[in-house]
Amino acid sequence: MMPWSKTLLLGLGLCAVTSVTQAKQVICVFDLVGKSGDVFALMKDYQLAAKNWGADIELRVGQNEAVIAEDFKAGKCDGISVTGMRGRQFNHFTGSLDAIGAIPDLKLAVKVMQGLASPAFAKHMVNSKYEVVGVIPVGDAFLMVNDRNINTVAKAAGKKIAVLDYDEAQKIMVQQVGAQAVSADVTNFGAKFNNGQVDIIGAPAAVFKPLELYKGLGNKGAIVNYPILQVTGNVIIRPDKFPAGYGQKSREWVKSQLPRAFGILGKMKADIPQKYWMQIPEADKSGYQKLMRESRVDLTKRGVYDRRMMKLLWQFRCKEDPKNFECSLQDENYKQS
């Protein structure tokens, strides 16, 4: 028999070795620009903050979002930072924040995201073996056209529009306006616009400079200054790989960064030269709003968007603007199951 003291020392030694060799949590980060991008910069701050929540994170950046999502499913990443559209497969609730016309401006988007960080929504953040531990704004998505004459929905008929191949919502909406959907992904939709393979794309101001979208606009094109949806970013983890209580602490930290994100995104939009912006006549805006609303309701019925999120966003919009025509309508006031 080994003396008690030696057994204790051996046990302590094994614990020490285990703690030293314990694997870091690997978070795979999608950033179009790579290590010099704004997303990766924010995630480096996140990595530092996570030490306070008991995590030791290793960041791996990639420029192919599809590969990152697949690596996450295969267990090669313990967490990911991806767009909300890509993240919808892991959480239908938060993945529906980017619903067409559901959040009319970036200011309201920040309010919504601040609200979602509340412990009251914690149960909605967990889906099976995945947990959303932060939602950040990427900015208003605007339609960019290679010809200013494409200034109405009717004139989009027959035009080629880039649609993300994994987002059913975009394909359906393009069909509804009679346009031609051209399959793309986040890594190549900008190039397709710049080289004339498509006439129209939807994109946030944040990617205008990195993707050199001014090349696609040329001298005839324009950015329609009317947001069609909010692009979001999600930080998603496998909670069993992280300390208990990590998710809520993470969401609270991300919430604290929202004003910073709002300022950065506002500057990115302001930095786009005024000559590229095309204004929508005030009289036309209600028509666009109704059109987007009809598409959103239809897509929710089809199961593309989450009913709980659609009701929540309807409530946010109507609190912000009670006189809005849609506030008297009840078809987005879904009964909660």
C-alpha atoms as a PDB file:
ATOM      1  CA  MET A   1       0.000   0.000   0.000  1.00  0.00           C
ATOM      2  CA  MET A   2       1.213   3.477  -0.822  1.00  0.00           C
ATOM      3  CA  PRO A   3       1.442   5.819   2.192  1.00  0.00           C
ATOM      4  CA  TRP A   4      -1.465   8.274   2.423  1.00  0.00           C
ATOM      5  CA  SER A   5       0.801  11.329   2.036  1.00  0.00           C
ATOM      6  CA  LYS A   6       2.347   9.970  -1.176  1.00  0.00           C
ATOM      7  CA  THR A   7      -1.100   9.155  -2.576  1.00  0.00           C
ATOM      8  CA  LEU A   8      -2.241  12.716  -1.871  1.00  0.00           C
ATOM      9  CA  LEU A   9       0.863  14.214  -3.486  1.00  0.00           C
ATOM     10  CA  LEU A  10       0.472  11.998  -6.544  1.00  0.00           C
ATOM     11  CA  GLY A  11      -3.174  13.045  -6.841  1.00  0.00           C
ATOM     12  CA  LEU A  12      -2.296  16.724  -6.574  1.00  0.00           C
ATOM     13  CA  GLY A  13       0.430  16.234  -9.169  1.00  0.00           C
ATOM     14  CA  LEU A  14      -2.017  14.633 -11.588  1.00  0.00           C
ATOM     15  CA  CYS A  15      -4.468  17.506 -11.064  1.00  0.00           C
ATOM     16  CA  ALA A  16      -1.717  20.003 -11.786  1.00  0.00           C
ATOM     17  CA  VAL A  17      -0.758  18.210 -14.997  1.00  0.00           C
ATOM     18  CA  THR A  18      -4.425  18.041 -16.052  1.00  0.00           C
ATOM     19  CA  SER A  19      -4.954  21.765 -15.472  1.00  0.00           C
ATOM     20  CA  VAL A  20      -1.830  22.649 -17.423  1.00  0.00           C
ATOM     21  CA  THR A  21      -2.665  20.427 -20.399  1.00  0.00           C
ATOM     22  CA  GLN A  22      -6.392  21.158 -20.488  1.00  0.00           C
ATOM     23  CA  ALA A  23      -7.308  22.143 -24.044  1.00  0.00           C
ATOM     24  CA  LYS A  24      -8.246  25.716 -24.763  1.00  0.00           C
ATOM     25  CA  GLN A  25     -11.681  26.517 -26.090  1.00  0.00           C
ATOM     26  CA  VAL A  26     -11.296  27.104 -29.821  1.00  0.00           C
ATOM     27  CA  ILE A  27     -13.517  29.779 -31.357  1.00  0.00           C
ATOM     28  CA  CYS A  28     -13.452  29.980 -35.147  1.00  0.00           C
ATOM     29  CA  VAL A  29     -14.078  33.513 -36.393  1.00  0.00           C
ATOM     30  CA  PHE A  30     -15.447  34.465 -39.797  1.00  0.00           C
ATOM     31  CA  ASP A  31     -13.977  37.753 -41.006  1.00  0.00           C
ATOM     32  CA  LEU A  32     -14.006  38.642 -44.704  1.00  0.00           C
ATOM     33  CA  VAL A  33     -10.780  40.600 -44.255  1.00  0.00           C
ATOM     34  CA  GLY A  34      -9.045  38.040 -42.046  1.00  0.00           C
ATOM     35  CA  LYS A  35      -6.865  39.012 -39.072  1.00  0.00           C
ATOM     36  CA  SER A  36      -6.907  42.708 -39.987  1.00  0.00           C
ATOM     37  CA  GLY A  37     -10.727  42.896 -39.931  1.00  0.00           C
ATOM     38  CA  ASP A  38     -13.040  44.618 -37.441  1.00  0.00           C
ATOM     39  CA  VAL A  39     -14.753  41.371 -36.426  1.00  0.00           C
ATOM     40  CA  PHE A  40     -11.483  39.719 -35.493  1.00  0.00           C
ATOM     41  CA  ALA A  41     -10.442  42.867 -33.575  1.00  0.00           C
ATOM     42  CA  LEU A  42     -13.641  42.675 -31.508  1.00  0.00           C
ATOM     43  CA  MET A  43     -13.143  38.957 -30.918  1.00  0.00           C
ATOM     44  CA  LYS A  44      -9.629  39.606 -29.571  1.00  0.00           C
ATOM     45  CA  ASP A  45     -11.216  41.879 -26.955  1.00  0.00           C
ATOM     46  CA  TYR A  46     -13.776  39.134 -26.311  1.00  0.00           C
ATOM     47  CA  GLN A  47     -10.972  36.600 -25.853  1.00  0.00           C
ATOM     48  CA  LEU A  48      -9.420  38.809 -23.163  1.00  0.00           C
ATOM     49  CA  ALA A  49     -12.752  39.376 -21.376  1.00  0.00           C
ATOM     50  CA  ALA A  50     -13.517  35.630 -21.420  1.00  0.00           C
ATOM     51  CA  LYS A  51     -10.616  34.978 -19.042  1.00  0.00           C
ATOM     52  CA  ASN A  52     -12.764  36.626 -16.361  1.00  0.00           C
ATOM     53  CA  TRP A  53     -15.473  34.024 -17.006  1.00  0.00           C
ATOM     54  CA  GLY A  54     -13.078  31.083 -16.647  1.00  0.00           C
ATOM     55  CA  ALA A  55     -12.412  30.418 -20.338  1.00  0.00           C
ATOM     56  CA  ASP A  56      -9.065  30.223 -22.116  1.00  0.00           C
ATOM     57  CA  ILE A  57      -9.929  30.905 -25.737  1.00  0.00           C
ATOM     58  CA  GLU A  58      -7.872  30.312 -28.834  1.00  0.00           C
ATOM     59  CA  LEU A  59      -9.085  32.269 -31.865  1.00  0.00           C
ATOM     60  CA  ARG A  60      -8.829  30.908 -35.391  1.00  0.00           C
ATOM     61  CA  VAL A  61      -9.859  33.281 -38.154  1.00  0.00           C
ATOM     62  CA  GLY A  62     -11.136  32.192 -41.563  1.00  0.00           C
ATOM     63  CA  GLN A  63     -12.578  33.858 -44.657  1.00  0.00           C
ATOM     64  CA  ASN A  64     -14.866  31.007 -45.689  1.00  0.00           C
ATOM     65  CA  GLU A  65     -17.974  31.072 -43.512  1.00  0.00           C
ATOM     66  CA  ALA A  66     -19.363  27.785 -44.844  1.00  0.00           C
ATOM     67  CA  VAL A  67     -16.210  25.918 -43.791  1.00  0.00           C
ATOM     68  CA  ILE A  68     -16.338  27.500 -40.318  1.00  0.00           C
ATOM     69  CA  ALA A  69     -19.959  26.397 -39.816  1.00  0.00           C
ATOM     70  CA  GLU A  70     -19.141  22.854 -40.924  1.00  0.00           C
ATOM     71  CA  ASP A  71     -16.083  22.720 -38.662  1.00  0.00           C
ATOM     72  CA  PHE A  72     -18.309  23.755 -35.761  1.00  0.00           C
ATOM     73  CA  LYS A  73     -20.797  20.977 -36.511  1.00  0.00           C
ATOM     74  CA  ALA A  74     -17.928  18.490 -36.768  1.00  0.00           C
ATOM     75  CA  GLY A  75     -16.560  19.520 -33.360  1.00  0.00           C
ATOM     76  CA  LYS A  76     -13.392  21.140 -34.722  1.00  0.00           C
ATOM     77  CA  CYS A  77     -14.447  24.441 -33.137  1.00  0.00           C
ATOM     78  CA  ASP A  78     -15.976  24.845 -29.656  1.00  0.00           C
ATOM     79  CA  GLY A  79     -17.516  28.130 -30.720  1.00  0.00           C
ATOM     80  CA  ILE A  80     -17.937  30.318 -33.789  1.00  0.00           C
ATOM     81  CA  SER A  81     -18.488  33.923 -34.756  1.00  0.00           C
ATOM     82  CA  VAL A  82     -20.605  34.025 -37.931  1.00  0.00           C
ATOM     83  CA  THR A  83     -23.410  36.026 -39.542  1.00  0.00           C
ATOM     84  CA  GLY A  84     -26.924  35.557 -38.218  1.00  0.00           C
ATOM     85  CA  MET A  85     -28.069  34.111 -41.546  1.00  0.00           C
ATOM     86  CA  ARG A  86     -25.445  31.384 -41.303  1.00  0.00           C
ATOM     87  CA  GLY A  87     -26.184  30.973 -37.603  1.00  0.00           C
ATOM     88  CA  ARG A  88     -29.900  30.374 -38.200  1.00  0.00           C
ATOM     89  CA  GLN A  89     -29.241  26.634 -38.526  1.00  0.00           C
ATOM     90  CA  PHE A  90     -28.005  26.616 -34.916  1.00  0.00           C
ATOM     91  CA  ASN A  91     -30.696  28.896 -33.460  1.00  0.00           C
ATOM     92  CA  HIS A  92     -33.880  29.726 -35.373  1.00  0.00           C
ATOM     93  CA  PHE A  93     -34.882  32.445 -32.868  1.00  0.00           C
ATOM     94  CA  THR A  94     -31.812  34.695 -33.085  1.00  0.00           C
ATOM     95  CA  GLY A  95     -31.286  33.648 -36.711  1.00  0.00           C
ATOM     96  CA  SER A  96     -34.542  35.436 -37.576  1.00  0.00           C
ATOM     97  CA  LEU A  97     -33.328  38.892 -36.510  1.00  0.00           C
ATOM     98  CA  ASP A  98     -32.394  39.523 -40.140  1.00  0.00           C
ATOM     99  CA  ALA A  99     -35.981  39.066 -41.366  1.00  0.00           C
ATOM    100  CA  ILE A 100     -36.898  41.361 -44.249  1.00  0.00           C
ATOM    101  CA  GLY A 101     -37.984  44.792 -42.956  1.00  0.00           C
ATOM    102  CA  ALA A 102     -38.310  43.519 -39.372  1.00  0.00           C
ATOM    103  CA  ILE A 103     -35.873  46.052 -37.877  1.00  0.00           C
ATOM    104  CA  PRO A 104     -36.076  49.327 -39.797  1.00  0.00           C
ATOM    105  CA  ASP A 105     -32.860  50.949 -38.584  1.00  0.00           C
ATOM    106  CA  LEU A 106     -29.606  50.325 -36.744  1.00  0.00           C
ATOM    107  CA  LYS A 107     -30.666  52.306 -33.672  1.00  0.00           C
ATOM    108  CA  LEU A 108     -33.616  49.987 -33.069  1.00  0.00           C
ATOM    109  CA  ALA A 109     -31.408  46.967 -33.811  1.00  0.00           C
ATOM    110  CA  VAL A 110     -29.152  47.940 -30.913  1.00  0.00           C
ATOM    111  CA  LYS A 111     -32.169  48.309 -28.592  1.00  0.00           C
ATOM    112  CA  VAL A 112     -33.412  44.856 -29.597  1.00  0.00           C
ATOM    113  CA  MET A 113     -29.995  43.285 -29.021  1.00  0.00           C
ATOM    114  CA  GLN A 114     -29.658  44.965 -25.633  1.00  0.00           C
ATOM    115  CA  GLY A 115     -33.019  43.476 -24.696  1.00  0.00           C
ATOM    116  CA  LEU A 116     -32.039  40.004 -25.857  1.00  0.00           C
ATOM    117  CA  ALA A 117     -29.070  40.016 -23.452  1.00  0.00           C
ATOM    118  CA  SER A 118     -31.524  39.916 -20.524  1.00  0.00           C
ATOM    119  CA  PRO A 119     -31.634  36.671 -18.500  1.00  0.00           C
ATOM    120  CA  ALA A 120     -35.340  36.546 -19.412  1.00  0.00           C
ATOM    121  CA  PHE A 121     -34.327  35.441 -22.942  1.00  0.00           C
ATOM    122  CA  ALA A 122     -31.672  32.942 -21.817  1.00  0.00           C
ATOM    123  CA  LYS A 123     -33.936  29.962 -22.573  1.00  0.00           C
ATOM    124  CA  HIS A 124     -34.290  31.123 -26.196  1.00  0.00           C
ATOM    125  CA  MET A 125     -30.513  31.240 -26.598  1.00  0.00           C
ATOM    126  CA  VAL A 126     -30.077  27.499 -26.090  1.00  0.00           C
ATOM    127  CA  ASN A 127     -30.993  25.047 -28.811  1.00  0.00           C
ATOM    128  CA  SER A 128     -29.982  21.432 -28.320  1.00  0.00           C
ATOM    129  CA  LYS A 129     -26.181  21.383 -27.966  1.00  0.00           C
ATOM    130  CA  TYR A 130     -25.684  24.994 -29.095  1.00  0.00           C
ATOM    131  CA  GLU A 131     -25.980  28.325 -27.267  1.00  0.00           C
ATOM    132  CA  VAL A 132     -25.942  31.864 -28.660  1.00  0.00           C
ATOM    133  CA  VAL A 133     -23.729  33.864 -26.311  1.00  0.00           C
ATOM    134  CA  GLY A 134     -23.791  37.184 -28.120  1.00  0.00           C
ATOM    135  CA  VAL A 135     -25.593  39.030 -30.917  1.00  0.00           C
ATOM    136  CA  ILE A 136     -23.985  42.063 -32.524  1.00  0.00           C
ATOM    137  CA  PRO A 137     -25.078  44.388 -35.341  1.00  0.00           C
ATOM    138  CA  VAL A 138     -23.251  44.313 -38.670  1.00  0.00           C
ATOM    139  CA  GLY A 139     -25.432  47.126 -40.005  1.00  0.00           C
ATOM    140  CA  ASP A 140     -28.334  48.041 -42.273  1.00  0.00           C
ATOM    141  CA  ALA A 141     -28.358  46.088 -45.528  1.00  0.00           C
ATOM    142  CA  PHE A 142     -28.964  48.257 -48.583  1.00  0.00           C
ATOM    143  CA  LEU A 143     -29.719  47.297 -52.163  1.00  0.00           C
ATOM    144  CA  MET A 144     -26.862  48.201 -54.501  1.00  0.00           C
ATOM    145  CA  VAL A 145     -27.725  48.447 -58.185  1.00  0.00           C
ATOM    146  CA  ASN A 146     -25.438  48.811 -61.202  1.00  0.00           C
ATOM    147  CA  ASP A 147     -27.921  51.186 -62.855  1.00  0.00           C
ATOM    148  CA  ARG A 148     -29.777  54.036 -61.116  1.00  0.00           C
ATOM    149  CA  ASN A 149     -32.729  53.424 -63.411  1.00  0.00           C
ATOM    150  CA  ILE A 150     -33.509  50.316 -61.337  1.00  0.00           C
ATOM    151  CA  ASN A 151     -35.331  52.539 -58.856  1.00  0.00           C
ATOM    152  CA  THR A 152     -38.566  50.590 -58.327  1.00  0.00           C
ATOM    153  CA  VAL A 153     -39.456  46.991 -57.536  1.00  0.00           C
ATOM    154  CA  ALA A 154     -41.088  46.678 -60.967  1.00  0.00           C
ATOM    155  CA  LYS A 155     -37.820  47.609 -62.663  1.00  0.00           C
ATOM    156  CA  ALA A 156     -36.016  44.811 -60.796  1.00  0.00           C
ATOM    157  CA  ALA A 157     -38.033  42.245 -62.752  1.00  0.00           C
ATOM    158  CA  GLY A 158     -35.763  40.226 -65.008  1.00  0.00           C
ATOM    159  CA  LYS A 159     -32.599  41.565 -63.394  1.00  0.00           C
ATOM    160  CA  LYS A 160     -29.980  39.272 -61.903  1.00  0.00           C
ATOM    161  CA  ILE A 161     -29.793  39.409 -58.107  1.00  0.00           C
ATOM    162  CA  ALA A 162     -27.169  37.637 -56.003  1.00  0.00           C
ATOM    163  CA  VAL A 163     -28.736  35.459 -53.312  1.00  0.00           C
ATOM    164  CA  LEU A 164     -26.904  33.589 -50.573  1.00  0.00           C
ATOM    165  CA  ASP A 165     -27.286  29.943 -51.532  1.00  0.00           C
ATOM    166  CA  TYR A 166     -28.133  28.845 -47.973  1.00  0.00           C
ATOM    167  CA  ASP A 167     -30.810  31.499 -47.312  1.00  0.00           C
ATOM    168  CA  GLU A 168     -34.220  30.329 -48.471  1.00  0.00           C
ATOM    169  CA  ALA A 169     -35.741  33.749 -47.709  1.00  0.00           C
ATOM    170  CA  GLN A 170     -33.692  35.531 -50.360  1.00  0.00           C
ATOM    171  CA  LYS A 171     -34.528  33.006 -53.063  1.00  0.00           C
ATOM    172  CA  ILE A 172     -38.269  33.297 -52.382  1.00  0.00           C
ATOM    173  CA  MET A 173     -38.229  37.118 -52.348  1.00  0.00           C
ATOM    174  CA  VAL A 174     -36.330  37.319 -55.641  1.00  0.00           C
ATOM    175  CA  GLN A 175     -38.893  34.987 -57.225  1.00  0.00           C
ATOM    176  CA  GLN A 176     -41.714  37.184 -55.923  1.00  0.00           C
ATOM    177  CA  VAL A 177     -40.383  40.296 -57.671  1.00  0.00           C
ATOM    178  CA  GLY A 178     -39.814  38.396 -60.913  1.00  0.00           C
ATOM    179  CA  ALA A 179     -36.035  38.760 -60.838  1.00  0.00           C
ATOM    180  CA  GLN A 180     -33.427  36.095 -61.605  1.00  0.00           C
ATOM    181  CA  ALA A 181     -31.649  34.596 -58.592  1.00  0.00           C
ATOM    182  CA  VAL A 182     -27.920  33.984 -58.985  1.00  0.00           C
ATOM    183  CA  SER A 183     -26.465  31.711 -56.324  1.00  0.00           C
ATOM    184  CA  ALA A 184     -23.617  33.216 -54.298  1.00  0.00           C
ATOM    185  CA  ASP A 185     -22.062  33.192 -50.844  1.00  0.00           C
ATOM    186  CA  VAL A 186     -20.477  35.811 -48.611  1.00  0.00           C
ATOM    187  CA  THR A 187     -17.044  35.223 -50.112  1.00  0.00           C
ATOM    188  CA  ASN A 188     -18.001  35.868 -53.741  1.00  0.00           C
ATOM    189  CA  PHE A 189     -21.208  37.939 -53.974  1.00  0.00           C
ATOM    190  CA  GLY A 190     -19.174  41.161 -54.091  1.00  0.00           C
ATOM    191  CA  ALA A 191     -17.002  39.871 -56.928  1.00  0.00           C
ATOM    192  CA  LYS A 192     -20.104  38.804 -58.881  1.00  0.00           C
ATOM    193  CA  PHE A 193     -21.437  42.375 -58.584  1.00  0.00           C
ATOM    194  CA  ASN A 194     -18.092  43.986 -59.443  1.00  0.00           C
ATOM    195  CA  ASN A 195     -17.579  41.933 -62.603  1.00  0.00           C
ATOM    196  CA  GLY A 196     -21.149  42.323 -63.864  1.00  0.00           C
ATOM    197  CA  GLN A 197     -22.435  38.797 -63.246  1.00  0.00           C
ATOM    198  CA  VAL A 198     -25.311  40.276 -61.231  1.00  0.00           C
ATOM    199  CA  ASP A 199     -27.137  43.608 -61.414  1.00  0.00           C
ATOM    200  CA  ILE A 200     -28.213  43.877 -57.780  1.00  0.00           C
ATOM    201  CA  ILE A 201     -26.879  42.843 -54.376  1.00  0.00           C
ATOM    202  CA  GLY A 202     -27.899  43.527 -50.795  1.00  0.00           C
ATOM    203  CA  ALA A 203     -25.051  44.440 -48.459  1.00  0.00           C
ATOM    204  CA  PRO A 204     -24.210  46.468 -45.341  1.00  0.00           C
ATOM    205  CA  ALA A 205     -22.002  49.558 -45.477  1.00  0.00           C
ATOM    206  CA  ALA A 206     -19.353  47.636 -43.534  1.00  0.00           C
ATOM    207  CA  VAL A 207     -18.340  45.627 -46.625  1.00  0.00           C
ATOM    208  CA  PHE A 208     -18.407  48.502 -49.139  1.00  0.00           C
ATOM    209  CA  LYS A 209     -14.711  49.312 -48.818  1.00  0.00           C
ATOM    210  CA  PRO A 210     -13.269  45.817 -48.122  1.00  0.00           C
ATOM    211  CA  LEU A 211     -15.101  44.318 -51.134  1.00  0.00           C
ATOM    212  CA  GLU A 212     -14.450  47.393 -53.320  1.00  0.00           C
ATOM    213  CA  LEU A 213     -18.140  47.535 -54.261  1.00  0.00           C
ATOM    214  CA  TYR A 214     -17.635  50.951 -55.865  1.00  0.00           C
ATOM    215  CA  LYS A 215     -16.268  48.943 -58.818  1.00  0.00           C
ATOM    216  CA  GLY A 216     -19.672  47.329 -59.301  1.00  0.00           C
ATOM    217  CA  LEU A 217     -21.477  50.648 -58.956  1.00  0.00           C
ATOM    218  CA  GLY A 218     -19.280  52.302 -61.577  1.00  0.00           C
ATOM    219  CA  ASN A 219     -20.603  55.626 -62.897  1.00  0.00           C
ATOM    220  CA  LYS A 220     -24.223  54.521 -63.360  1.00  0.00           C
ATOM    221  CA  GLY A 221     -24.917  52.553 -60.174  1.00  0.00           C
ATOM    222  CA  ALA A 222     -26.243  53.576 -56.783  1.00  0.00           C
ATOM    223  CA  ILE A 223     -26.948  52.469 -53.232  1.00  0.00           C
ATOM    224  CA  VAL A 224     -30.659  52.687 -52.401  1.00  0.00           C
ATOM    225  CA  ASN A 225     -30.747  54.549 -49.086  1.00  0.00           C
ATOM    226  CA  TYR A 226     -33.520  52.471 -47.543  1.00  0.00           C
ATOM    227  CA  PRO A 227     -32.574  49.556 -45.249  1.00  0.00           C
ATOM    228  CA  ILE A 228     -34.140  46.250 -46.252  1.00  0.00           C
ATOM    229  CA  LEU A 229     -32.954  44.285 -43.218  1.00  0.00           C
ATOM    230  CA  GLN A 230     -30.387  44.197 -40.432  1.00  0.00           C
ATOM    231  CA  VAL A 231     -27.309  42.052 -40.852  1.00  0.00           C
ATOM    232  CA  THR A 232     -26.257  40.525 -37.549  1.00  0.00           C
ATOM    233  CA  GLY A 233     -23.327  38.615 -36.141  1.00  0.00           C
ATOM    234  CA  ASN A 234     -23.662  35.683 -33.732  1.00  0.00           C
ATOM    235  CA  VAL A 235     -21.229  34.182 -31.259  1.00  0.00           C
ATOM    236  CA  ILE A 236     -22.357  30.572 -30.763  1.00  0.00           C
ATOM    237  CA  ILE A 237     -20.781  27.914 -28.541  1.00  0.00           C
ATOM    238  CA  ARG A 238     -21.101  24.322 -27.409  1.00  0.00           C
ATOM    239  CA  PRO A 239     -21.913  25.116 -23.757  1.00  0.00           C
ATOM    240  CA  ASP A 240     -20.557  21.787 -22.507  1.00  0.00           C
ATOM    241  CA  LYS A 241     -17.083  22.996 -23.542  1.00  0.00           C
ATOM    242  CA  PHE A 242     -17.301  26.147 -21.415  1.00  0.00           C
ATOM    243  CA  PRO A 243     -17.635  26.911 -17.673  1.00  0.00           C
ATOM    244  CA  ALA A 244     -21.113  26.925 -16.115  1.00  0.00           C
ATOM    245  CA  GLY A 245     -22.831  30.310 -16.446  1.00  0.00           C
ATOM    246  CA  TYR A 246     -20.527  31.372 -19.262  1.00  0.00           C
ATOM    247  CA  GLY A 247     -23.337  32.161 -21.715  1.00  0.00           C
ATOM    248  CA  GLN A 248     -25.049  34.878 -19.676  1.00  0.00           C
ATOM    249  CA  LYS A 249     -21.757  36.557 -18.748  1.00  0.00           C
ATOM    250  CA  SER A 250     -20.800  36.574 -22.413  1.00  0.00           C
ATOM    251  CA  ARG A 251     -24.137  38.079 -23.492  1.00  0.00           C
ATOM    252  CA  GLU A 252     -23.790  40.838 -20.887  1.00  0.00           C
ATOM    253  CA  TRP A 253     -20.288  41.704 -22.159  1.00  0.00           C
ATOM    254  CA  VAL A 254     -21.434  41.753 -25.785  1.00  0.00           C
ATOM    255  CA  LYS A 255     -24.288  44.054 -24.723  1.00  0.00           C
ATOM    256  CA  SER A 256     -21.705  46.459 -23.268  1.00  0.00           C
ATOM    257  CA  GLN A 257     -19.987  46.620 -26.670  1.00  0.00           C
ATOM    258  CA  LEU A 258     -23.114  47.551 -28.647  1.00  0.00           C
ATOM    259  CA  PRO A 259     -22.647  51.344 -28.395  1.00  0.00           C
ATOM    260  CA  ARG A 260     -19.085  50.887 -29.710  1.00  0.00           C
ATOM    261  CA  ALA A 261     -20.377  48.803 -32.627  1.00  0.00           C
ATOM    262  CA  PHE A 262     -23.088  51.393 -33.364  1.00  0.00           C
ATOM    263  CA  GLY A 263     -20.453  54.137 -33.610  1.00  0.00           C
ATOM    264  CA  ILE A 264     -18.145  52.103 -35.860  1.00  0.00           C
ATOM    265  CA  LEU A 265     -20.974  51.147 -38.224  1.00  0.00           C
ATOM    266  CA  GLY A 266     -22.262  54.712 -38.378  1.00  0.00           C
ATOM    267  CA  LYS A 267     -18.825  55.935 -39.426  1.00  0.00           C
ATOM    268  CA  MET A 268     -18.571  53.227 -42.104  1.00  0.00           C
ATOM    269  CA  LYS A 269     -21.811  54.436 -43.662  1.00  0.00           C
ATOM    270  CA  ALA A 270     -20.780  58.090 -43.415  1.00  0.00           C
ATOM    271  CA  ASP A 271     -17.479  57.288 -45.149  1.00  0.00           C
ATOM    272  CA  ILE A 272     -19.240  56.129 -48.333  1.00  0.00           C
ATOM    273  CA  PRO A 273     -19.154  59.048 -50.810  1.00  0.00           C
ATOM    274  CA  GLN A 274     -22.481  60.848 -51.102  1.00  0.00           C
ATOM    275  CA  LYS A 275     -22.514  60.477 -54.897  1.00  0.00           C
ATOM    276  CA  TYR A 276     -23.363  56.795 -54.552  1.00  0.00           C
ATOM    277  CA  TRP A 277     -26.510  57.231 -52.462  1.00  0.00           C
ATOM    278  CA  MET A 278     -29.945  57.265 -54.096  1.00  0.00           C
ATOM    279  CA  GLN A 279     -32.832  58.554 -51.987  1.00  0.00           C
ATOM    280  CA  ILE A 280     -36.287  56.979 -51.981  1.00  0.00           C
ATOM    281  CA  PRO A 281     -39.156  59.500 -52.268  1.00  0.00           C
ATOM    282  CA  GLU A 282     -40.967  59.787 -48.941  1.00  0.00           C
ATOM    283  CA  ALA A 283     -44.273  58.938 -50.627  1.00  0.00           C
ATOM    284  CA  ASP A 284     -42.890  55.582 -51.800  1.00  0.00           C
ATOM    285  CA  LYS A 285     -41.620  54.381 -48.425  1.00  0.00           C
ATOM    286  CA  SER A 286     -44.945  53.094 -47.102  1.00  0.00           C
ATOM    287  CA  GLY A 287     -45.337  50.980 -50.237  1.00  0.00           C
ATOM    288  CA  TYR A 288     -41.930  49.395 -49.697  1.00  0.00           C
ATOM    289  CA  GLN A 289     -42.746  48.820 -46.052  1.00  0.00           C
ATOM    290  CA  LYS A 290     -45.995  47.031 -46.944  1.00  0.00           C
ATOM    291  CA  LEU A 291     -44.242  44.918 -49.568  1.00  0.00           C
ATOM    292  CA  MET A 292     -41.535  43.822 -47.110  1.00  0.00           C
ATOM    293  CA  ARG A 293     -44.123  43.131 -44.452  1.00  0.00           C
ATOM    294  CA  GLU A 294     -46.135  40.877 -46.776  1.00  0.00           C
ATOM    295  CA  SER A 295     -42.962  38.961 -47.669  1.00  0.00           C
ATOM    296  CA  ARG A 296     -42.037  38.605 -43.987  1.00  0.00           C
ATOM    297  CA  VAL A 297     -45.465  37.283 -43.023  1.00  0.00           C
ATOM    298  CA  ASP A 298     -45.377  34.815 -45.913  1.00  0.00           C
ATOM    299  CA  LEU A 299     -41.872  33.612 -45.003  1.00  0.00           C
ATOM    300  CA  THR A 300     -42.905  33.176 -41.371  1.00  0.00           C
ATOM    301  CA  LYS A 301     -45.855  31.022 -42.443  1.00  0.00           C
ATOM    302  CA  ARG A 302     -43.422  28.923 -44.470  1.00  0.00           C
ATOM    303  CA  GLY A 303     -41.284  28.399 -41.362  1.00  0.00           C
ATOM    304  CA  VAL A 304     -38.286  30.383 -42.629  1.00  0.00           C
ATOM    305  CA  TYR A 305     -38.570  32.918 -39.780  1.00  0.00           C
ATOM    306  CA  ASP A 306     -39.285  32.200 -36.122  1.00  0.00           C
ATOM    307  CA  ARG A 307     -42.776  33.274 -34.985  1.00  0.00           C
ATOM    308  CA  ARG A 308     -41.587  34.193 -31.484  1.00  0.00           C
ATOM    309  CA  MET A 309     -38.984  36.574 -32.879  1.00  0.00           C
ATOM    310  CA  MET A 310     -41.437  38.076 -35.380  1.00  0.00           C
ATOM    311  CA  LYS A 311     -43.860  38.880 -32.558  1.00  0.00           C
ATOM    312  CA  LEU A 312     -41.088  40.383 -30.441  1.00  0.00           C
ATOM    313  CA  LEU A 313     -39.849  42.598 -33.278  1.00  0.00           C
ATOM    314  CA  TRP A 314     -43.421  43.698 -34.078  1.00  0.00           C
ATOM    315  CA  GLN A 315     -43.736  44.773 -30.435  1.00  0.00           C
ATOM    316  CA  PHE A 316     -40.422  46.676 -30.596  1.00  0.00           C
ATOM    317  CA  ARG A 317     -41.422  48.483 -33.809  1.00  0.00           C
ATOM    318  CA  CYS A 318     -44.800  49.488 -32.456  1.00  0.00           C
ATOM    319  CA  LYS A 319     -43.348  50.702 -29.176  1.00  0.00           C
ATOM    320  CA  GLU A 320     -40.967  52.851 -31.217  1.00  0.00           C
ATOM    321  CA  ASP A 321     -43.657  54.099 -33.622  1.00  0.00           C
ATOM    322  CA  PRO A 322     -47.197  53.419 -32.283  1.00  0.00           C
ATOM    323  CA  LYS A 323     -48.800  55.279 -35.226  1.00  0.00           C
ATOM    324  CA  ASN A 324     -47.348  52.856 -37.744  1.00  0.00           C
ATOM    325  CA  PHE A 325     -50.135  51.269 -39.811  1.00  0.00           C
ATOM    326  CA  GLU A 326     -48.999  47.719 -38.958  1.00  0.00           C
ATOM    327  CA  CYS A 327     -49.583  48.209 -35.218  1.00  0.00           C
ATOM    328  CA  SER A 328     -53.341  47.832 -35.693  1.00  0.00           C
ATOM    329  CA  LEU A 329     -52.814  44.605 -37.615  1.00  0.00           C
ATOM    330  CA  GLN A 330     -52.509  41.338 -35.735  1.00  0.00           C
ATOM    331  CA  ASP A 331     -51.013  38.869 -38.203  1.00  0.00           C
ATOM    332  CA  GLU A 332     -47.553  39.121 -36.612  1.00  0.00           C
ATOM    333  CA  ASN A 333     -48.965  38.937 -33.085  1.00  0.00           C
ATOM    334  CA  TYR A 334     -48.437  35.186 -33.112  1.00  0.00           C
ATOM    335  CA  LYS A 335     -49.692  33.049 -30.260  1.00  0.00           C
ATOM    336  CA  GLN A 336     -46.752  31.602 -28.382  1.00  0.00           C
ATOM    337  CA  SER A 337     -46.514  27.834 -28.339  1.00  0.00           C
END
